[in-house]
C-alpha cells in the first residue's frame, strides 16, 4: 500500500452496505479476465486488435505501477454473503482509472458510487485537483460518469478527451 500525501492507504473503504473498496493485496490474477474482456480492453486500454489483448504480465505490470503511484483498490460487491472483486480503481491526482470488469455490474451506478468515494478520499488526503483524466471519445459511459461528477473536458487530443475536476 502506498501513502499519498503521507496518509496511509486504508485496507477497506466502505461505500454502502453492498459495495466496498479493498486495498490491492498483490493478487493481480483476479483482474486478468477483466482486462481480457473486449469492452474493457477497448474502452480502457484503447486496444482494437484481439491479438494485443492484455495478458497476465500486462496486468501485473499495470498493477505494480498503479499500486506504487496511487491507492489501488479492488471494487467489491456483496453477493451471496461474501464480497467478490468486480473491478478496480486507483486514487491518484493524475488520470485516476476505474474499471468495472464484470459485465453485469456495468451501467448500474456502481462506478458513480465508487468515484464519489474516491473523490471524498482525495479531498481527505489533501488532493485539490484531479487532472489528465483521459477518456477515449468512443467511451461514452466514462464521459457521462466524469461529467455527472462535475469533471470538465479541458482538451481534445485526437480520439482522447482530457478531463479535470477542482476539488
Foldseek 3Di string as FASTA:
>chain_A
DEQDLNHDDDQWADLDPWKIWGFDDQCLVLCLQLQLDPVCCCWPVVDDDNVPRDDPVNSSVVCVVLVHQFGKTFIWGQDPNDTDGQWIWTQDQEQTDTGRRHVVPPPPCPVLSVVVSSVVVCVVSPNFKRWFNKTFQVPVSVVVSCVVVPWDFDDDDPRITITMDGD
